[in-house]
PDB file of N, CA and C in Angstrom:
ATOM      1  N   UNK A   1    -108.182  47.104 -11.555  1.00  0.00           N
ATOM      2  CA  UNK A   1    -107.754  45.752 -11.791  1.00  0.00           C
ATOM      3  C   UNK A   1    -106.682  45.378 -10.775  1.00  0.00           C
ATOM      4  N   UNK A   2    -106.828  44.183 -10.244  1.00  0.00           N
ATOM      5  CA  UNK A   2    -105.866  43.676  -9.269  1.00  0.00           C
ATOM      6  C   UNK A   2    -105.496  42.250  -9.640  1.00  0.00           C
ATOM      7  N   UNK A   3    -104.228  41.889  -9.468  1.00  0.00           N
ATOM      8  CA  UNK A   3    -103.819  40.509  -9.679  1.00  0.00           C
ATOM      9  C   UNK A   3    -103.603  39.841  -8.330  1.00  0.00           C
ATOM     10  N   UNK A   4    -103.967  38.565  -8.281  1.00  0.00           N
ATOM     11  CA  UNK A   4    -103.818  37.778  -7.058  1.00  0.00           C
ATOM     12  C   UNK A   4    -103.234  36.416  -7.409  1.00  0.00           C
ATOM     13  N   UNK A   5    -102.591  35.806  -6.442  1.00  0.00           N
ATOM     14  CA  UNK A   5    -102.051  34.465  -6.628  1.00  0.00           C
ATOM     15  C   UNK A   5    -102.648  33.467  -5.637  1.00  0.00           C
ATOM     16  N   UNK A   6    -103.514  33.945  -4.749  1.00  0.00           N
ATOM     17  CA  UNK A   6    -104.083  33.078  -3.719  1.00  0.00           C
ATOM     18  C   UNK A   6    -105.586  33.298  -3.613  1.00  0.00           C
ATOM     19  N   UNK A   7    -106.316  32.216  -3.363  1.00  0.00           N
ATOM     20  CA  UNK A   7    -107.771  32.287  -3.228  1.00  0.00           C
ATOM     21  C   UNK A   7    -108.175  33.190  -2.068  1.00  0.00           C
ATOM     22  N   UNK A   8    -107.469  33.106  -0.963  1.00  0.00           N
ATOM     23  CA  UNK A   8    -107.816  33.912   0.211  1.00  0.00           C
ATOM     24  C   UNK A   8    -107.711  35.404  -0.091  1.00  0.00           C
ATOM     25  N   UNK A   9    -106.719  35.790  -0.861  1.00  0.00           N
ATOM     26  CA  UNK A   9    -106.574  37.201  -1.248  1.00  0.00           C
ATOM     27  C   UNK A   9    -107.759  37.638  -2.097  1.00  0.00           C
ATOM     28  N   UNK A  10    -108.128  36.810  -3.071  1.00  0.00           N
ATOM     29  CA  UNK A  10    -109.274  37.137  -3.930  1.00  0.00           C
ATOM     30  C   UNK A  10    -110.553  37.238  -3.104  1.00  0.00           C
ATOM     31  N   UNK A  11    -110.721  36.320  -2.164  1.00  0.00           N
ATOM     32  CA  UNK A  11    -111.908  36.331  -1.302  1.00  0.00           C
ATOM     33  C   UNK A  11    -111.964  37.605  -0.458  1.00  0.00           C
ATOM     34  N   UNK A  12    -110.840  37.995   0.111  1.00  0.00           N
ATOM     35  CA  UNK A  12    -110.781  39.217   0.918  1.00  0.00           C
ATOM     36  C   UNK A  12    -111.069  40.455   0.068  1.00  0.00           C
ATOM     37  N   UNK A  13    -110.561  40.469  -1.159  1.00  0.00           N
ATOM     38  CA  UNK A  13    -110.830  41.601  -2.050  1.00  0.00           C
ATOM     39  C   UNK A  13    -112.314  41.685  -2.400  1.00  0.00           C
ATOM     40  N   UNK A  14    -112.963  40.550  -2.612  1.00  0.00           N
ATOM     41  CA  UNK A  14    -114.409  40.547  -2.892  1.00  0.00           C
ATOM     42  C   UNK A  14    -115.174  41.105  -1.689  1.00  0.00           C
ATOM     43  N   UNK A  15    -114.733  40.719  -0.509  1.00  0.00           N
ATOM     44  CA  UNK A  15    -115.371  41.217   0.711  1.00  0.00           C
ATOM     45  C   UNK A  15    -115.230  42.740   0.799  1.00  0.00           C
ATOM     46  N   UNK A  16    -114.032  43.247   0.562  1.00  0.00           N
ATOM     47  CA  UNK A  16    -113.806  44.695   0.572  1.00  0.00           C
ATOM     48  C   UNK A  16    -114.610  45.394  -0.525  1.00  0.00           C
ATOM     49  N   UNK A  17    -114.679  44.768  -1.675  1.00  0.00           N
ATOM     50  CA  UNK A  17    -115.451  45.332  -2.784  1.00  0.00           C
ATOM     51  C   UNK A  17    -116.897  45.559  -2.361  1.00  0.00           C
ATOM     52  N   UNK A  18    -117.485  44.573  -1.715  1.00  0.00           N
ATOM     53  CA  UNK A  18    -118.873  44.679  -1.258  1.00  0.00           C
ATOM     54  C   UNK A  18    -119.028  45.701  -0.139  1.00  0.00           C
ATOM     55  N   UNK A  19    -118.119  45.668   0.827  1.00  0.00           N
ATOM     56  CA  UNK A  19    -118.206  46.583   1.969  1.00  0.00           C
ATOM     57  C   UNK A  19    -118.043  48.046   1.565  1.00  0.00           C
ATOM     58  N   UNK A  20    -117.157  48.299   0.600  1.00  0.00           N
ATOM     59  CA  UNK A  20    -116.824  49.677   0.230  1.00  0.00           C
ATOM     60  C   UNK A  20    -117.510  50.152  -1.048  1.00  0.00           C
ATOM     61  N   UNK A  21    -118.312  49.278  -1.659  1.00  0.00           N
ATOM     62  CA  UNK A  21    -119.004  49.656  -2.889  1.00  0.00           C
ATOM     63  C   UNK A  21    -118.064  49.872  -4.063  1.00  0.00           C
ATOM     64  N   UNK A  22    -116.997  49.098  -4.125  1.00  0.00           N
ATOM     65  CA  UNK A  22    -116.026  49.211  -5.212  1.00  0.00           C
ATOM     66  C   UNK A  22    -116.448  48.355  -6.397  1.00  0.00           C
ATOM     67  N   UNK A  23    -115.786  48.543  -7.520  1.00  0.00           N
ATOM     68  CA  UNK A  23    -116.009  47.723  -8.707  1.00  0.00           C
ATOM     69  C   UNK A  23    -114.647  47.202  -9.158  1.00  0.00           C
ATOM     70  N   UNK A  24    -114.234  46.075  -8.611  1.00  0.00           N
ATOM     71  CA  UNK A  24    -112.917  45.514  -8.885  1.00  0.00           C
ATOM     72  C   UNK A  24    -112.976  44.475  -9.986  1.00  0.00           C
ATOM     73  N   UNK A  25    -111.882  44.345 -10.710  1.00  0.00           N
ATOM     74  CA  UNK A  25    -111.673  43.209 -11.600  1.00  0.00           C
ATOM     75  C   UNK A  25    -110.472  42.468 -11.034  1.00  0.00           C
ATOM     76  N   UNK A  26    -110.705  41.222 -10.644  1.00  0.00           N
ATOM     77  CA  UNK A  26    -109.668  40.410 -10.008  1.00  0.00           C
ATOM     78  C   UNK A  26    -109.172  39.382 -11.014  1.00  0.00           C
ATOM     79  N   UNK A  27    -107.859  39.403 -11.240  1.00  0.00           N
ATOM     80  CA  UNK A  27    -107.222  38.504 -12.201  1.00  0.00           C
ATOM     81  C   UNK A  27    -106.269  37.595 -11.438  1.00  0.00           C
ATOM     82  N   UNK A  28    -106.494  36.287 -11.528  1.00  0.00           N
ATOM     83  CA  UNK A  28    -105.650  35.309 -10.841  1.00  0.00           C
ATOM     84  C   UNK A  28    -104.493  34.891 -11.747  1.00  0.00           C
ATOM     85  N   UNK A  29    -103.300  34.887 -11.170  1.00  0.00           N
ATOM     86  CA  UNK A  29    -102.073  34.562 -11.902  1.00  0.00           C
ATOM     87  C   UNK A  29    -101.239  33.574 -11.086  1.00  0.00           C
ATOM     88  N   UNK A  30    -100.246  32.979 -11.725  1.00  0.00           N
ATOM     89  CA  UNK A  30     -99.286  32.089 -11.051  1.00  0.00           C
ATOM     90  C   UNK A  30    -100.000  30.950 -10.314  1.00  0.00           C
ATOM     91  N   UNK A  31    -100.876  30.239 -11.011  1.00  0.00           N
ATOM     92  CA  UNK A  31    -101.692  29.205 -10.371  1.00  0.00           C
ATOM     93  C   UNK A  31    -101.179  27.781 -10.592  1.00  0.00           C
ATOM     94  N   UNK A  32    -100.037  27.623 -11.227  1.00  0.00           N
ATOM     95  CA  UNK A  32     -99.469  26.289 -11.411  1.00  0.00           C
ATOM     96  C   UNK A  32     -99.284  25.624 -10.051  1.00  0.00           C
ATOM     97  N   UNK A  33     -99.758  24.389  -9.934  1.00  0.00           N
ATOM     98  CA  UNK A  33     -99.549  23.613  -8.718  1.00  0.00           C
ATOM     99  C   UNK A  33    -100.530  23.853  -7.594  1.00  0.00           C
ATOM    100  N   UNK A  34    -101.573  24.667  -7.822  1.00  0.00           N
ATOM    101  CA  UNK A  34    -102.534  24.889  -6.738  1.00  0.00           C
ATOM    102  C   UNK A  34    -103.346  23.622  -6.484  1.00  0.00           C
ATOM    103  N   UNK A  35    -103.771  23.447  -5.252  1.00  0.00           N
ATOM    104  CA  UNK A  35    -104.610  22.304  -4.882  1.00  0.00           C
ATOM    105  C   UNK A  35    -106.006  22.474  -5.472  1.00  0.00           C
ATOM    106  N   UNK A  36    -106.785  21.423  -5.419  1.00  0.00           N
ATOM    107  CA  UNK A  36    -108.164  21.487  -5.899  1.00  0.00           C
ATOM    108  C   UNK A  36    -108.950  22.526  -5.100  1.00  0.00           C
ATOM    109  N   UNK A  37    -108.781  22.520  -3.796  1.00  0.00           N
ATOM    110  CA  UNK A  37    -109.486  23.476  -2.932  1.00  0.00           C
ATOM    111  C   UNK A  37    -109.085  24.917  -3.258  1.00  0.00           C
ATOM    112  N   UNK A  38    -107.799  25.145  -3.453  1.00  0.00           N
ATOM    113  CA  UNK A  38    -107.309  26.488  -3.800  1.00  0.00           C
ATOM    114  C   UNK A  38    -107.861  26.915  -5.160  1.00  0.00           C
ATOM    115  N   UNK A  39    -107.878  25.997  -6.121  1.00  0.00           N
ATOM    116  CA  UNK A  39    -108.424  26.302  -7.451  1.00  0.00           C
ATOM    117  C   UNK A  39    -109.897  26.686  -7.351  1.00  0.00           C
ATOM    118  N   UNK A  40    -110.655  25.958  -6.546  1.00  0.00           N
ATOM    119  CA  UNK A  40    -112.075  26.284  -6.366  1.00  0.00           C
ATOM    120  C   UNK A  40    -112.243  27.697  -5.823  1.00  0.00           C
ATOM    121  N   UNK A  41    -111.442  28.057  -4.829  1.00  0.00           N
ATOM    122  CA  UNK A  41    -111.511  29.397  -4.252  1.00  0.00           C
ATOM    123  C   UNK A  41    -111.120  30.481  -5.242  1.00  0.00           C
ATOM    124  N   UNK A  42    -110.109  30.207  -6.032  1.00  0.00           N
ATOM    125  CA  UNK A  42    -109.679  31.163  -7.060  1.00  0.00           C
ATOM    126  C   UNK A  42    -110.790  31.363  -8.082  1.00  0.00           C
ATOM    127  N   UNK A  43    -111.374  30.269  -8.552  1.00  0.00           N
ATOM    128  CA  UNK A  43    -112.418  30.353  -9.576  1.00  0.00           C
ATOM    129  C   UNK A  43    -113.679  31.031  -9.052  1.00  0.00           C
ATOM    130  N   UNK A  44    -113.986  30.866  -7.785  1.00  0.00           N
ATOM    131  CA  UNK A  44    -115.182  31.485  -7.191  1.00  0.00           C
ATOM    132  C   UNK A  44    -115.033  32.984  -6.979  1.00  0.00           C
ATOM    133  N   UNK A  45    -113.802  33.472  -6.870  1.00  0.00           N
ATOM    134  CA  UNK A  45    -113.592  34.863  -6.474  1.00  0.00           C
ATOM    135  C   UNK A  45    -112.827  35.714  -7.483  1.00  0.00           C
ATOM    136  N   UNK A  46    -112.561  35.183  -8.664  1.00  0.00           N
ATOM    137  CA  UNK A  46    -111.818  35.927  -9.679  1.00  0.00           C
ATOM    138  C   UNK A  46    -112.698  36.191 -10.892  1.00  0.00           C
ATOM    139  N   UNK A  47    -112.381  37.257 -11.609  1.00  0.00           N
ATOM    140  CA  UNK A  47    -113.073  37.571 -12.857  1.00  0.00           C
ATOM    141  C   UNK A  47    -112.368  36.933 -14.048  1.00  0.00           C
ATOM    142  N   UNK A  48    -111.059  36.839 -13.944  1.00  0.00           N
ATOM    143  CA  UNK A  48    -110.225  36.259 -15.000  1.00  0.00           C
ATOM    144  C   UNK A  48    -109.161  35.419 -14.315  1.00  0.00           C
ATOM    145  N   UNK A  49    -108.806  34.290 -14.931  1.00  0.00           N
ATOM    146  CA  UNK A  49    -107.690  33.490 -14.431  1.00  0.00           C
ATOM    147  C   UNK A  49    -106.835  33.072 -15.619  1.00  0.00           C
ATOM    148  N   UNK A  50    -105.525  33.204 -15.446  1.00  0.00           N
ATOM    149  CA  UNK A  50    -104.581  32.691 -16.432  1.00  0.00           C
ATOM    150  C   UNK A  50    -104.190  31.312 -15.928  1.00  0.00           C
ATOM    151  N   UNK A  51    -104.489  30.287 -16.710  1.00  0.00           N
ATOM    152  CA  UNK A  51    -104.440  28.912 -16.208  1.00  0.00           C
ATOM    153  C   UNK A  51    -103.045  28.373 -15.930  1.00  0.00           C
ATOM    154  N   UNK A  52    -102.006  28.989 -16.488  1.00  0.00           N
ATOM    155  CA  UNK A  52    -100.641  28.485 -16.333  1.00  0.00           C
ATOM    156  C   UNK A  52    -100.629  26.979 -16.632  1.00  0.00           C
ATOM    157  N   UNK A  53     -99.978  26.174 -15.812  1.00  0.00           N
ATOM    158  CA  UNK A  53     -99.963  24.721 -16.020  1.00  0.00           C
ATOM    159  C   UNK A  53    -100.798  24.027 -14.947  1.00  0.00           C
ATOM    160  N   UNK A  54    -101.889  24.665 -14.543  1.00  0.00           N
ATOM    161  CA  UNK A  54    -102.710  24.136 -13.462  1.00  0.00           C
ATOM    162  C   UNK A  54    -103.714  23.093 -13.946  1.00  0.00           C
ATOM    163  N   UNK A  55    -103.575  21.910 -13.424  1.00  0.00           N
ATOM    164  CA  UNK A  55    -104.508  20.820 -13.708  1.00  0.00           C
ATOM    165  C   UNK A  55    -105.914  21.171 -13.221  1.00  0.00           C
ATOM    166  N   UNK A  56    -106.022  21.639 -11.991  1.00  0.00           N
ATOM    167  CA  UNK A  56    -107.344  21.866 -11.402  1.00  0.00           C
ATOM    168  C   UNK A  56    -108.049  23.093 -11.965  1.00  0.00           C
ATOM    169  N   UNK A  57    -107.326  24.134 -12.312  1.00  0.00           N
ATOM    170  CA  UNK A  57    -107.980  25.281 -12.948  1.00  0.00           C
ATOM    171  C   UNK A  57    -108.619  24.821 -14.250  1.00  0.00           C
ATOM    172  N   UNK A  58    -107.907  24.045 -15.048  1.00  0.00           N
ATOM    173  CA  UNK A  58    -108.452  23.543 -16.314  1.00  0.00           C
ATOM    174  C   UNK A  58    -109.664  22.639 -16.078  1.00  0.00           C
ATOM    175  N   UNK A  59    -109.575  21.758 -15.098  1.00  0.00           N
ATOM    176  CA  UNK A  59    -110.665  20.808 -14.835  1.00  0.00           C
ATOM    177  C   UNK A  59    -111.923  21.487 -14.301  1.00  0.00           C
ATOM    178  N   UNK A  60    -111.780  22.502 -13.484  1.00  0.00           N
ATOM    179  CA  UNK A  60    -112.918  23.076 -12.767  1.00  0.00           C
ATOM    180  C   UNK A  60    -113.486  24.351 -13.384  1.00  0.00           C
ATOM    181  N   UNK A  61    -112.735  25.011 -14.242  1.00  0.00           N
ATOM    182  CA  UNK A  61    -113.180  26.298 -14.798  1.00  0.00           C
ATOM    183  C   UNK A  61    -114.442  26.134 -15.636  1.00  0.00           C
ATOM    184  N   UNK A  62    -115.321  27.114 -15.501  1.00  0.00           N
ATOM    185  CA  UNK A  62    -116.529  27.212 -16.319  1.00  0.00           C
ATOM    186  C   UNK A  62    -116.516  28.611 -16.952  1.00  0.00           C
ATOM    187  N   UNK A  63    -115.605  28.800 -17.921  1.00  0.00           N
ATOM    188  CA  UNK A  63    -115.403  30.141 -18.460  1.00  0.00           C
ATOM    189  C   UNK A  63    -116.543  30.615 -19.355  1.00  0.00           C
ATOM    190  N   UNK A  64    -116.726  31.926 -19.367  1.00  0.00           N
ATOM    191  CA  UNK A  64    -117.641  32.563 -20.310  1.00  0.00           C
ATOM    192  C   UNK A  64    -116.909  32.869 -21.608  1.00  0.00           C
ATOM    193  N   UNK A  65    -115.608  33.114 -21.506  1.00  0.00           N
ATOM    194  CA  UNK A  65    -114.744  33.372 -22.658  1.00  0.00           C
ATOM    195  C   UNK A  65    -113.410  32.695 -22.385  1.00  0.00           C
ATOM    196  N   UNK A  66    -112.824  32.148 -23.430  1.00  0.00           N
ATOM    197  CA  UNK A  66    -111.486  31.570 -23.343  1.00  0.00           C
ATOM    198  C   UNK A  66    -110.613  32.218 -24.403  1.00  0.00           C
ATOM    199  N   UNK A  67    -109.406  32.608 -24.012  1.00  0.00           N
ATOM    200  CA  UNK A  67    -108.418  33.139 -24.938  1.00  0.00           C
ATOM    201  C   UNK A  67    -107.253  32.160 -24.952  1.00  0.00           C
ATOM    202  N   UNK A  68    -106.930  31.639 -26.116  1.00  0.00           N
ATOM    203  CA  UNK A  68    -105.818  30.713 -26.342  1.00  0.00           C
ATOM    204  C   UNK A  68    -106.172  29.296 -25.896  1.00  0.00           C
ATOM    205  N   UNK A  69    -105.320  28.353 -26.312  1.00  0.00           N
ATOM    206  CA  UNK A  69    -105.566  26.949 -26.000  1.00  0.00           C
ATOM    207  C   UNK A  69    -104.418  26.313 -25.219  1.00  0.00           C
ATOM    208  N   UNK A  70    -103.184  26.720 -25.477  1.00  0.00           N
ATOM    209  CA  UNK A  70    -102.050  26.100 -24.790  1.00  0.00           C
ATOM    210  C   UNK A  70    -101.981  26.535 -23.325  1.00  0.00           C
ATOM    211  N   UNK A  71    -102.006  27.819 -23.091  1.00  0.00           N
ATOM    212  CA  UNK A  71    -102.060  28.384 -21.737  1.00  0.00           C
ATOM    213  C   UNK A  71    -103.277  29.305 -21.724  1.00  0.00           C
ATOM    214  N   UNK A  72    -104.459  28.734 -21.552  1.00  0.00           N
ATOM    215  CA  UNK A  72    -105.670  29.542 -21.692  1.00  0.00           C
ATOM    216  C   UNK A  72    -105.868  30.574 -20.590  1.00  0.00           C
ATOM    217  N   UNK A  73    -106.428  31.676 -21.001  1.00  0.00           N
ATOM    218  CA  UNK A  73    -106.927  32.699 -20.093  1.00  0.00           C
ATOM    219  C   UNK A  73    -108.436  32.521 -20.093  1.00  0.00           C
ATOM    220  N   UNK A  74    -109.022  32.412 -18.912  1.00  0.00           N
ATOM    221  CA  UNK A  74    -110.466  32.215 -18.795  1.00  0.00           C
ATOM    222  C   UNK A  74    -111.114  33.445 -18.173  1.00  0.00           C
ATOM    223  N   UNK A  75    -112.117  33.998 -18.848  1.00  0.00           N
ATOM    224  CA  UNK A  75    -112.963  35.033 -18.252  1.00  0.00           C
ATOM    225  C   UNK A  75    -114.105  34.297 -17.569  1.00  0.00           C
ATOM    226  N   UNK A  76    -114.270  34.518 -16.269  1.00  0.00           N
ATOM    227  CA  UNK A  76    -115.207  33.744 -15.457  1.00  0.00           C
ATOM    228  C   UNK A  76    -116.490  34.491 -15.123  1.00  0.00           C
ATOM    229  N   UNK A  77    -116.476  35.803 -15.275  1.00  0.00           N
ATOM    230  CA  UNK A  77    -117.632  36.631 -14.929  1.00  0.00           C
ATOM    231  C   UNK A  77    -117.965  37.552 -16.099  1.00  0.00           C
ATOM    232  N   UNK A  78    -119.110  38.214 -16.004  1.00  0.00           N
ATOM    233  CA  UNK A  78    -119.471  39.179 -17.046  1.00  0.00           C
ATOM    234  C   UNK A  78    -118.456  40.321 -17.095  1.00  0.00           C
ATOM    235  N   UNK A  79    -117.954  40.750 -15.938  1.00  0.00           N
ATOM    236  CA  UNK A  79    -116.932  41.806 -15.926  1.00  0.00           C
ATOM    237  C   UNK A  79    -115.671  41.338 -16.640  1.00  0.00           C
ATOM    238  N   UNK A  80    -115.258  40.116 -16.366  1.00  0.00           N
ATOM    239  CA  UNK A  80    -114.081  39.561 -17.028  1.00  0.00           C
ATOM    240  C   UNK A  80    -114.299  39.413 -18.519  1.00  0.00           C
ATOM    241  N   UNK A  81    -115.473  38.940 -18.883  1.00  0.00           N
ATOM    242  CA  UNK A  81    -115.825  38.780 -20.297  1.00  0.00           C
ATOM    243  C   UNK A  81    -115.776  40.131 -21.008  1.00  0.00           C
ATOM    244  N   UNK A  82    -116.338  41.148 -20.384  1.00  0.00           N
ATOM    245  CA  UNK A  82    -116.339  42.478 -20.980  1.00  0.00           C
ATOM    246  C   UNK A  82    -114.932  43.004 -21.213  1.00  0.00           C
ATOM    247  N   UNK A  83    -114.041  42.793 -20.247  1.00  0.00           N
ATOM    248  CA  UNK A  83    -112.666  43.252 -20.385  1.00  0.00           C
ATOM    249  C   UNK A  83    -111.962  42.533 -21.532  1.00  0.00           C
ATOM    250  N   UNK A  84    -112.142  41.226 -21.627  1.00  0.00           N
ATOM    251  CA  UNK A  84    -111.501  40.452 -22.689  1.00  0.00           C
ATOM    252  C   UNK A  84    -112.020  40.891 -24.058  1.00  0.00           C
ATOM    253  N   UNK A  85    -113.316  41.083 -24.180  1.00  0.00           N
ATOM    254  CA  UNK A  85    -113.889  41.510 -25.458  1.00  0.00           C
ATOM    255  C   UNK A  85    -113.410  42.916 -25.816  1.00  0.00           C
ATOM    256  N   UNK A  86    -113.333  43.789 -24.844  1.00  0.00           N
ATOM    257  CA  UNK A  86    -112.831  45.150 -25.094  1.00  0.00           C
ATOM    258  C   UNK A  86    -111.388  45.102 -25.594  1.00  0.00           C
ATOM    259  N   UNK A  87    -110.578  44.273 -24.976  1.00  0.00           N
ATOM    260  CA  UNK A  87    -109.177  44.121 -25.399  1.00  0.00           C
ATOM    261  C   UNK A  87    -109.091  43.565 -26.813  1.00  0.00           C
ATOM    262  N   UNK A  88    -109.979  42.659 -27.173  1.00  0.00           N
ATOM    263  CA  UNK A  88    -109.963  42.052 -28.507  1.00  0.00           C
ATOM    264  C   UNK A  88    -110.172  43.093 -29.603  1.00  0.00           C
ATOM    265  N   UNK A  89    -110.839  44.181 -29.290  1.00  0.00           N
ATOM    266  CA  UNK A  89    -111.071  45.238 -30.281  1.00  0.00           C
ATOM    267  C   UNK A  89    -109.768  45.845 -30.781  1.00  0.00           C
ATOM    268  N   UNK A  90    -108.721  45.796 -29.987  1.00  0.00           N
ATOM    269  CA  UNK A  90    -107.439  46.396 -30.346  1.00  0.00           C
ATOM    270  C   UNK A  90    -106.518  45.463 -31.123  1.00  0.00           C
ATOM    271  N   UNK A  91    -106.878  44.211 -31.252  1.00  0.00           N
ATOM    272  CA  UNK A  91    -106.031  43.238 -31.945  1.00  0.00           C
ATOM    273  C   UNK A  91    -106.207  43.419 -33.449  1.00  0.00           C
ATOM    274  N   UNK A  92    -105.093  43.583 -34.149  1.00  0.00           N
ATOM    275  CA  UNK A  92    -105.133  43.869 -35.582  1.00  0.00           C
ATOM    276  C   UNK A  92    -105.304  42.619 -36.443  1.00  0.00           C
ATOM    277  N   UNK A  93    -104.837  41.478 -35.986  1.00  0.00           N
ATOM    278  CA  UNK A  93    -104.944  40.254 -36.780  1.00  0.00           C
ATOM    279  C   UNK A  93    -106.365  39.699 -36.700  1.00  0.00           C
ATOM    280  N   UNK A  94    -106.737  38.815 -37.632  1.00  0.00           N
ATOM    281  CA  UNK A  94    -108.081  38.238 -37.618  1.00  0.00           C
ATOM    282  C   UNK A  94    -108.356  37.464 -36.324  1.00  0.00           C
ATOM    283  N   UNK A  95    -109.608  37.489 -35.906  1.00  0.00           N
ATOM    284  CA  UNK A  95    -110.046  36.782 -34.699  1.00  0.00           C
ATOM    285  C   UNK A  95    -111.260  35.936 -35.062  1.00  0.00           C
ATOM    286  N   UNK A  96    -111.265  34.699 -34.640  1.00  0.00           N
ATOM    287  CA  UNK A  96    -112.434  33.836 -34.802  1.00  0.00           C
ATOM    288  C   UNK A  96    -113.298  33.970 -33.559  1.00  0.00           C
ATOM    289  N   UNK A  97    -114.551  34.308 -33.762  1.00  0.00           N
ATOM    290  CA  UNK A  97    -115.510  34.339 -32.660  1.00  0.00           C
ATOM    291  C   UNK A  97    -116.542  33.268 -32.962  1.00  0.00           C
ATOM    292  N   UNK A  98    -116.713  32.353 -32.021  1.00  0.00           N
ATOM    293  CA  UNK A  98    -117.592  31.214 -32.227  1.00  0.00           C
ATOM    294  C   UNK A  98    -118.194  30.832 -30.878  1.00  0.00           C
ATOM    295  N   UNK A  99    -119.338  30.192 -30.903  1.00  0.00           N
ATOM    296  CA  UNK A  99    -119.903  29.667 -29.667  1.00  0.00           C
ATOM    297  C   UNK A  99    -119.589  28.181 -29.594  1.00  0.00           C
ATOM    298  N   UNK A 100    -119.142  27.756 -28.429  1.00  0.00           N
ATOM    299  CA  UNK A 100    -118.748  26.367 -28.226  1.00  0.00           C
ATOM    300  C   UNK A 100    -118.696  26.115 -26.719  1.00  0.00           C
ATOM    301  N   UNK A 101    -118.847  24.877 -26.330  1.00  0.00           N
ATOM    302  CA  UNK A 101    -118.727  24.525 -24.912  1.00  0.00           C
ATOM    303  C   UNK A 101    -117.269  24.719 -24.482  1.00  0.00           C
ATOM    304  N   UNK A 102    -117.083  25.471 -23.419  1.00  0.00           N
ATOM    305  CA  UNK A 102    -115.744  25.760 -22.909  1.00  0.00           C
ATOM    306  C   UNK A 102    -115.505  25.033 -21.590  1.00  0.00           C
ATOM    307  N   UNK A 103    -114.280  24.769 -21.249  1.00  0.00           N
ATOM    308  CA  UNK A 103    -113.067  25.138 -21.952  1.00  0.00           C
ATOM    309  C   UNK A 103    -112.731  24.186 -23.096  1.00  0.00           C
ATOM    310  N   UNK A 104    -111.976  24.698 -24.065  1.00  0.00           N
ATOM    311  CA  UNK A 104    -111.437  23.904 -25.166  1.00  0.00           C
ATOM    312  C   UNK A 104    -109.966  23.691 -24.841  1.00  0.00           C
ATOM    313  N   UNK A 105    -109.590  22.431 -24.642  1.00  0.00           N
ATOM    314  CA  UNK A 105    -108.235  22.105 -24.189  1.00  0.00           C
ATOM    315  C   UNK A 105    -107.651  20.967 -25.022  1.00  0.00           C
ATOM    316  N   UNK A 106    -107.274  21.230 -26.282  1.00  0.00           N
ATOM    317  CA  UNK A 106    -106.715  20.159 -27.109  1.00  0.00           C
ATOM    318  C   UNK A 106    -105.452  19.578 -26.472  1.00  0.00           C
ATOM    319  N   UNK A 107    -105.411  18.270 -26.336  1.00  0.00           N
ATOM    320  CA  UNK A 107    -104.319  17.629 -25.590  1.00  0.00           C
ATOM    321  C   UNK A 107    -102.949  17.933 -26.185  1.00  0.00           C
ATOM    322  N   UNK A 108    -102.856  18.063 -27.492  1.00  0.00           N
ATOM    323  CA  UNK A 108    -101.555  18.315 -28.114  1.00  0.00           C
ATOM    324  C   UNK A 108    -101.032  19.733 -27.853  1.00  0.00           C
ATOM    325  N   UNK A 109    -101.868  20.604 -27.311  1.00  0.00           N
ATOM    326  CA  UNK A 109    -101.435  21.976 -27.025  1.00  0.00           C
ATOM    327  C   UNK A 109    -101.197  22.226 -25.533  1.00  0.00           C
ATOM    328  N   UNK A 110    -101.518  21.275 -24.685  1.00  0.00           N
ATOM    329  CA  UNK A 110    -101.380  21.465 -23.242  1.00  0.00           C
ATOM    330  C   UNK A 110     -99.944  21.202 -22.803  1.00  0.00           C
ATOM    331  N   UNK A 111     -99.512  21.847 -21.731  1.00  0.00           N
ATOM    332  CA  UNK A 111     -98.191  21.525 -21.183  1.00  0.00           C
ATOM    333  C   UNK A 111     -98.108  20.026 -20.883  1.00  0.00           C
ATOM    334  N   UNK A 112     -96.941  19.455 -21.034  1.00  0.00           N
ATOM    335  CA  UNK A 112     -96.783  18.009 -20.862  1.00  0.00           C
ATOM    336  C   UNK A 112     -97.154  17.534 -19.465  1.00  0.00           C
ATOM    337  N   UNK A 113     -96.814  18.287 -18.465  1.00  0.00           N
ATOM    338  CA  UNK A 113     -97.097  17.887 -17.090  1.00  0.00           C
ATOM    339  C   UNK A 113     -97.905  18.959 -16.385  1.00  0.00           C
ATOM    340  N   UNK A 114     -99.216  18.779 -16.345  1.00  0.00           N
ATOM    341  CA  UNK A 114    -100.053  19.704 -15.590  1.00  0.00           C
ATOM    342  C   UNK A 114     -99.920  19.365 -14.116  1.00  0.00           C
ATOM    343  N   UNK A 115     -99.831  20.409 -13.301  1.00  0.00           N
ATOM    344  CA  UNK A 115     -99.704  20.170 -11.862  1.00  0.00           C
ATOM    345  C   UNK A 115    -100.627  21.079 -11.088  1.00  0.00           C
TER     346      UNK A 115
END
C-alpha cells in the first residue's frame, strides 16, 4: 500500500507496477483544493481516495464502495473494494450494507466550503 497526494505520482506508480509486475494499492490523500484535471488523474490511477474537502473528487468519483458521508472514502477499483470490505470485518459496531447509486453526499453532512 502506498499513499499519494498527486496524480502524477499515482500515474508513475501504476507504470512501475506494470513494468515490474507488482501488485500495488494506491491510496490518494490530501486532495482538498485539487483542480479538475488533477482530480481526474487521481481518480484514474488510485484504488482508494479520501475525498477531504475536494469539490472535484466528489463530483467526478465513480466509487464501487463508499465509507462515510461527511468526508467520504471512495474505493475506486476491485482491489480498493476488497481492502475496504476486509477492513469492515474488524469493525465491532453494526454496519449497514446496501446497494445504492454512489456517491451518496447529503448536503447537510458536507464541509461548508468544498474547494
